[in-house]
C-alpha atoms as a PDB file:
ATOM      1  CA  MET A   1      23.130  33.760  22.445  1.00  0.00           C
ATOM      2  CA  SER A   2      24.170  30.552  24.210  1.00  0.00           C
ATOM      3  CA  GLU A   3      23.799  30.314  27.923  1.00  0.00           C
ATOM      4  CA  LEU A   4      26.798  29.469  30.034  1.00  0.00           C
ATOM      5  CA  PRO A   5      26.343  26.960  32.815  1.00  0.00           C
ATOM      6  CA  PRO A   6      26.006  28.568  36.214  1.00  0.00           C
ATOM      7  CA  THR A   7      29.280  29.188  37.971  1.00  0.00           C
ATOM      8  CA  PRO A   8      29.703  27.034  41.067  1.00  0.00           C
ATOM      9  CA  PRO A   9      29.973  28.968  44.298  1.00  0.00           C
ATOM     10  CA  PRO A  10      33.556  29.532  45.478  1.00  0.00           C
ATOM     11  CA  ALA A  11      34.988  26.962  47.852  1.00  0.00           C
ATOM     12  CA  GLN A  12      34.408  27.952  51.413  1.00  0.00           C
ATOM     13  CA  SER A  13      37.721  28.825  52.981  1.00  0.00           C
ATOM     14  CA  GLY A  14      36.457  31.591  55.164  1.00  0.00           C
ATOM     15  CA  PRO A  15      36.896  32.063  58.866  1.00  0.00           C
ATOM     16  CA  LYS A  16      35.163  28.830  59.858  1.00  0.00           C
ATOM     17  CA  SER A  17      37.591  26.442  58.136  1.00  0.00           C
ATOM     18  CA  GLY A  18      40.583  28.593  59.068  1.00  0.00           C
ATOM     19  CA  ARG A  19      39.534  28.575  62.699  1.00  0.00           C
ATOM     20  CA  TRP A  20      39.220  24.765  62.765  1.00  0.00           C
ATOM     21  CA  LEU A  21      42.613  24.393  61.170  1.00  0.00           C
ATOM     22  CA  LYS A  22      44.156  26.595  63.860  1.00  0.00           C
ATOM     23  CA  ILE A  23      42.373  24.628  66.583  1.00  0.00           C
ATOM     24  CA  ALA A  24      43.523  21.325  65.082  1.00  0.00           C
ATOM     25  CA  LEU A  25      47.110  22.552  64.857  1.00  0.00           C
ATOM     26  CA  ALA A  26      47.033  23.833  68.438  1.00  0.00           C
ATOM     27  CA  VAL A  27      45.616  20.554  69.751  1.00  0.00           C
ATOM     28  CA  SER A  28      48.143  18.594  67.701  1.00  0.00           C
ATOM     29  CA  LEU A  29      50.972  20.665  69.136  1.00  0.00           C
ATOM     30  CA  ALA A  30      49.613  20.177  72.658  1.00  0.00           C
ATOM     31  CA  LEU A  31      49.412  16.418  72.170  1.00  0.00           C
ATOM     32  CA  ASN A  32      52.920  16.286  70.738  1.00  0.00           C
ATOM     33  CA  LEU A  33      54.192  18.230  73.735  1.00  0.00           C
ATOM     34  CA  ALA A  34      52.289  15.929  76.087  1.00  0.00           C
ATOM     35  CA  VAL A  35      53.851  12.841  74.526  1.00  0.00           C
ATOM     36  CA  ALA A  36      57.271  14.490  74.594  1.00  0.00           C
ATOM     37  CA  GLY A  37      56.689  15.428  78.234  1.00  0.00           C
ATOM     38  CA  LEU A  38      55.714  11.876  79.157  1.00  0.00           C
ATOM     39  CA  VAL A  39      58.732  10.418  77.411  1.00  0.00           C
ATOM     40  CA  GLY A  40      61.090  13.127  78.674  1.00  0.00           C
ATOM     41  CA  GLY A  41      59.704  12.936  82.194  1.00  0.00           C
ATOM     42  CA  ALA A  42      60.086   9.184  82.238  1.00  0.00           C
ATOM     43  CA  MET A  43      63.675   9.463  81.072  1.00  0.00           C
ATOM     44  CA  LEU A  44      64.610  12.259  83.452  1.00  0.00           C
ATOM     45  CA  GLY A  45      62.703  10.761  86.369  1.00  0.00           C
ATOM     46  CA  ARG A  46      65.254   8.069  87.080  1.00  0.00           C
ATOM     47  CA  GLY A  47      67.874   7.724  84.422  1.00  0.00           C
ATOM     48  CA  GLY A  48      66.294   6.011  81.453  1.00  0.00           C
ATOM     49  CA  PRO A  49      63.210   4.690  79.711  1.00  0.00           C
ATOM     50  CA  ASP A  50      63.418   1.305  81.459  1.00  0.00           C
ATOM     51  CA  ASP A  51      63.221   2.868  84.906  1.00  0.00           C
ATOM     52  CA  ALA A  52      60.073   3.768  86.826  1.00  0.00           C
ATOM     53  CA  PRO A  53      58.463   7.081  85.979  1.00  0.00           C
ATOM     54  CA  ALA A  54      59.221  10.046  88.182  1.00  0.00           C
ATOM     55  CA  ILE A  55      57.100  10.320  91.321  1.00  0.00           C
ATOM     56  CA  ARG A  56      55.394  13.434  89.977  1.00  0.00           C
ATOM     57  CA  THR A  57      54.134  11.618  86.895  1.00  0.00           C
ATOM     58  CA  LEU A  58      52.235   9.163  89.100  1.00  0.00           C
ATOM     59  CA  GLY A  59      49.882  11.708  90.624  1.00  0.00           C
ATOM     60  CA  LEU A  60      52.081  12.507  93.601  1.00  0.00           C
ATOM     61  CA  GLY A  61      53.086  16.061  92.616  1.00  0.00           C
ATOM     62  CA  PRO A  62      53.312  17.887  95.966  1.00  0.00           C
ATOM     63  CA  PHE A  63      54.428  14.696  97.736  1.00  0.00           C
ATOM     64  CA  ALA A  64      57.547  14.681  95.576  1.00  0.00           C
ATOM     65  CA  LEU A  65      58.441  17.876  97.445  1.00  0.00           C
ATOM     66  CA  ALA A  66      57.065  16.842 100.843  1.00  0.00           C
ATOM     67  CA  LEU A  67      58.748  13.476 101.230  1.00  0.00           C
ATOM     68  CA  SER A  68      62.314  13.233 102.422  1.00  0.00           C
ATOM     69  CA  ARG A  69      64.863  11.753 100.041  1.00  0.00           C
ATOM     70  CA  GLU A  70      64.506   8.454 101.888  1.00  0.00           C
ATOM     71  CA  GLY A  71      60.720   8.615 101.579  1.00  0.00           C
ATOM     72  CA  ARG A  72      60.929   9.309  97.849  1.00  0.00           C
ATOM     73  CA  ASP A  73      63.376   6.427  97.466  1.00  0.00           C
ATOM     74  CA  GLU A  74      60.999   4.157  99.371  1.00  0.00           C
ATOM     75  CA  VAL A  75      58.037   5.123  97.151  1.00  0.00           C
ATOM     76  CA  ARG A  76      60.192   4.764  94.043  1.00  0.00           C
ATOM     77  CA  GLY A  77      61.371   1.323  95.188  1.00  0.00           C
ATOM     78  CA  ARG A  78      57.785   0.179  95.642  1.00  0.00           C
ATOM     79  CA  ILE A  79      56.890   1.521  92.197  1.00  0.00           C
ATOM     80  CA  GLU A  80      59.921  -0.108  90.565  1.00  0.00           C
ATOM     81  CA  SER A  81      58.886  -3.487  91.911  1.00  0.00           C
ATOM     82  CA  ASP A  82      56.374  -3.745  89.063  1.00  0.00           C
ATOM     83  CA  LEU A  83      58.063  -2.055  86.090  1.00  0.00           C
ATOM     84  CA  PRO A  84      56.506  -4.272  83.391  1.00  0.00           C
ATOM     85  CA  ARG A  85      52.994  -3.262  84.415  1.00  0.00           C
ATOM     86  CA  LEU A  86      53.999   0.404  84.631  1.00  0.00           C
ATOM     87  CA  ARG A  87      55.614   0.280  81.180  1.00  0.00           C
ATOM     88  CA  THR A  88      52.438  -1.212  79.744  1.00  0.00           C
ATOM     89  CA  GLU A  89      50.319   1.612  81.164  1.00  0.00           C
ATOM     90  CA  ARG A  90      52.768   4.317  80.054  1.00  0.00           C
ATOM     91  CA  MET A  91      52.795   2.884  76.549  1.00  0.00           C
ATOM     92  CA  ALA A  92      48.976   2.853  76.551  1.00  0.00           C
ATOM     93  CA  VAL A  93      48.918   6.565  77.420  1.00  0.00           C
ATOM     94  CA  GLY A  94      51.281   7.323  74.541  1.00  0.00           C
ATOM     95  CA  ARG A  95      49.338   5.130  72.091  1.00  0.00           C
ATOM     96  CA  GLY A  96      46.112   6.885  73.028  1.00  0.00           C
ATOM     97  CA  LEU A  97      47.619  10.297  72.375  1.00  0.00           C
ATOM     98  CA  LEU A  98      48.972   9.164  69.007  1.00  0.00           C
ATOM     99  CA  GLU A  99      45.508   7.862  68.089  1.00  0.00           C
ATOM    100  CA  VAL A 100      44.017  11.246  68.986  1.00  0.00           C
ATOM    101  CA  GLN A 101      46.634  12.904  66.825  1.00  0.00           C
ATOM    102  CA  ARG A 102      45.613  10.705  63.876  1.00  0.00           C
ATOM    103  CA  ALA A 103      41.949  11.556  64.446  1.00  0.00           C
ATOM    104  CA  LEU A 104      42.804  15.260  64.399  1.00  0.00           C
ATOM    105  CA  VAL A 105      44.162  15.141  60.881  1.00  0.00           C
ATOM    106  CA  ALA A 106      41.417  12.867  59.522  1.00  0.00           C
ATOM    107  CA  ASP A 107      38.899  14.489  57.219  1.00  0.00           C
ATOM    108  CA  PRO A 108      36.240  14.528  58.427  1.00  0.00           C
ATOM    109  CA  PHE A 109      37.264  14.684  62.075  1.00  0.00           C
ATOM    110  CA  ASP A 110      36.490  11.353  63.724  1.00  0.00           C
ATOM    111  CA  ARG A 111      35.181  12.451  67.089  1.00  0.00           C
ATOM    112  CA  ALA A 112      34.268   8.916  68.179  1.00  0.00           C
ATOM    113  CA  ALA A 113      37.809   7.651  67.504  1.00  0.00           C
ATOM    114  CA  ALA A 114      39.340  10.615  69.338  1.00  0.00           C
ATOM    115  CA  GLU A 115      36.972  10.174  72.266  1.00  0.00           C
ATOM    116  CA  ALA A 116      37.724   6.445  72.531  1.00  0.00           C
ATOM    117  CA  ALA A 117      41.478   7.086  72.331  1.00  0.00           C
ATOM    118  CA  LEU A 118      41.289   9.751  75.044  1.00  0.00           C
ATOM    119  CA  ALA A 119      39.275   7.375  77.229  1.00  0.00           C
ATOM    120  CA  ARG A 120      41.927   4.635  76.846  1.00  0.00           C
ATOM    121  CA  SER A 121      44.703   7.112  77.580  1.00  0.00           C
ATOM    122  CA  ARG A 122      42.821   8.440  80.619  1.00  0.00           C
ATOM    123  CA  ALA A 123      42.258   4.910  81.976  1.00  0.00           C
ATOM    124  CA  ALA A 124      45.965   4.118  81.639  1.00  0.00           C
ATOM    125  CA  ALA A 125      46.929   7.413  83.306  1.00  0.00           C
ATOM    126  CA  MET A 126      44.524   6.680  86.167  1.00  0.00           C
ATOM    127  CA  ALA A 127      46.051   3.228  86.571  1.00  0.00           C
ATOM    128  CA  LEU A 128      49.508   4.805  86.812  1.00  0.00           C
ATOM    129  CA  GLN A 129      48.195   7.269  89.367  1.00  0.00           C
ATOM    130  CA  GLY A 130      46.696   4.370  91.324  1.00  0.00           C
ATOM    131  CA  TYR A 131      50.084   2.635  91.468  1.00  0.00           C
ATOM    132  CA  GLY A 132      51.673   5.834  92.707  1.00  0.00           C
ATOM    133  CA  HIS A 133      49.026   6.399  95.357  1.00  0.00           C
ATOM    134  CA  ALA A 134      49.275   2.802  96.611  1.00  0.00           C
ATOM    135  CA  ALA A 135      53.074   3.064  96.893  1.00  0.00           C
ATOM    136  CA  LEU A 136      52.736   6.385  98.725  1.00  0.00           C
ATOM    137  CA  LEU A 137      50.151   5.028 101.175  1.00  0.00           C
ATOM    138  CA  ASP A 138      52.256   1.936 101.860  1.00  0.00           C
ATOM    139  CA  THR A 139      55.248   4.172 102.594  1.00  0.00           C
ATOM    140  CA  LEU A 140      53.264   6.574 104.806  1.00  0.00           C
ATOM    141  CA  GLU A 141      51.733   3.673 106.716  1.00  0.00           C
ATOM    142  CA  GLU A 142      55.188   2.506 107.780  1.00  0.00           C
ATOM    143  CA  MET A 143      56.231   5.960 109.047  1.00  0.00           C
ATOM    144  CA  SER A 144      56.069   7.041 112.640  1.00  0.00           C
ATOM    145  CA  LEU A 145      53.759   9.860 113.696  1.00  0.00           C
ATOM    146  CA  ALA A 146      56.751  12.232 113.860  1.00  0.00           C
ATOM    147  CA  GLU A 147      57.807  11.339 110.302  1.00  0.00           C
ATOM    148  CA  ARG A 148      54.249  11.748 108.990  1.00  0.00           C
ATOM    149  CA  SER A 149      54.005  15.105 110.791  1.00  0.00           C
ATOM    150  CA  ARG A 150      57.162  16.322 109.012  1.00  0.00           C
ATOM    151  CA  VAL A 151      55.692  15.177 105.685  1.00  0.00           C
ATOM    152  CA  ALA A 152      52.455  17.018 106.522  1.00  0.00           C
ATOM    153  CA  GLU A 153      54.393  20.200 107.326  1.00  0.00           C
ATOM    154  CA  ARG A 154      56.396  20.029 104.088  1.00  0.00           C
ATOM    155  CA  LEU A 155      53.216  19.194 102.157  1.00  0.00           C
ATOM    156  CA  GLY A 156      51.618  22.374 103.497  1.00  0.00           C
ATOM    157  CA  ARG A 157      54.631  24.425 102.376  1.00  0.00           C
ATOM    158  CA  ALA A 158      54.581  22.793  98.939  1.00  0.00           C
ATOM    159  CA  MET A 159      50.870  23.481  98.524  1.00  0.00           C
ATOM    160  CA  ARG A 160      51.312  27.135  99.540  1.00  0.00           C
ATOM    161  CA  ARG A 161      54.169  27.447  97.045  1.00  0.00           C
ATOM    162  CA  ILE A 162      52.020  25.935  94.293  1.00  0.00           C
ATOM    163  CA  ALA A 163      49.065  28.148  95.226  1.00  0.00           C
ATOM    164  CA  GLY A 164      51.364  31.199  95.129  1.00  0.00           C
ATOM    165  CA  ARG A 165      52.487  30.320  91.612  1.00  0.00           C
ATOM    166  CA  GLU A 166      48.906  29.877  90.435  1.00  0.00           C
ATOM    167  CA  GLY A 167      47.991  33.291  91.817  1.00  0.00           C
ATOM    168  CA  ARG A 168      50.718  34.915  89.685  1.00  0.00           C
ATOM    169  CA  ASP A 169      49.497  33.373  86.426  1.00  0.00           C
END
């Protein structure tokens, strides 16, 4: 009787590979939503993609609620004074997220490429936040004590509102 060659073990498609696929899809979806949010936020923030990003996207979240309309306009005006530099940083954030997305679908997963892309995206996001903070501080510095006190009061209300929402989640 002739012997048959041993049968190779079945391809592993058990829970481990299925779990990683689900994780990769979830991360990919999150990154796509983040890019869409950045683009959408930039467009909705002030009318179009060539305008400065919304105040909230520059790390000023609660201050967007605490500043008066005039204060927000003042911060926005300071930010808009350097749109080319802001566009460069916003594009770097988007490029980094797209690079992470490519690393997610690579086989095998290229952790080093994803990590480097996230680091570049993070650096660009921090630069944007720095621009926002500098514009805010310049605006606050020019306010009177009474104006700053009103901002502080509204900031407290905004923070309580945010804290209340987080408690409900």
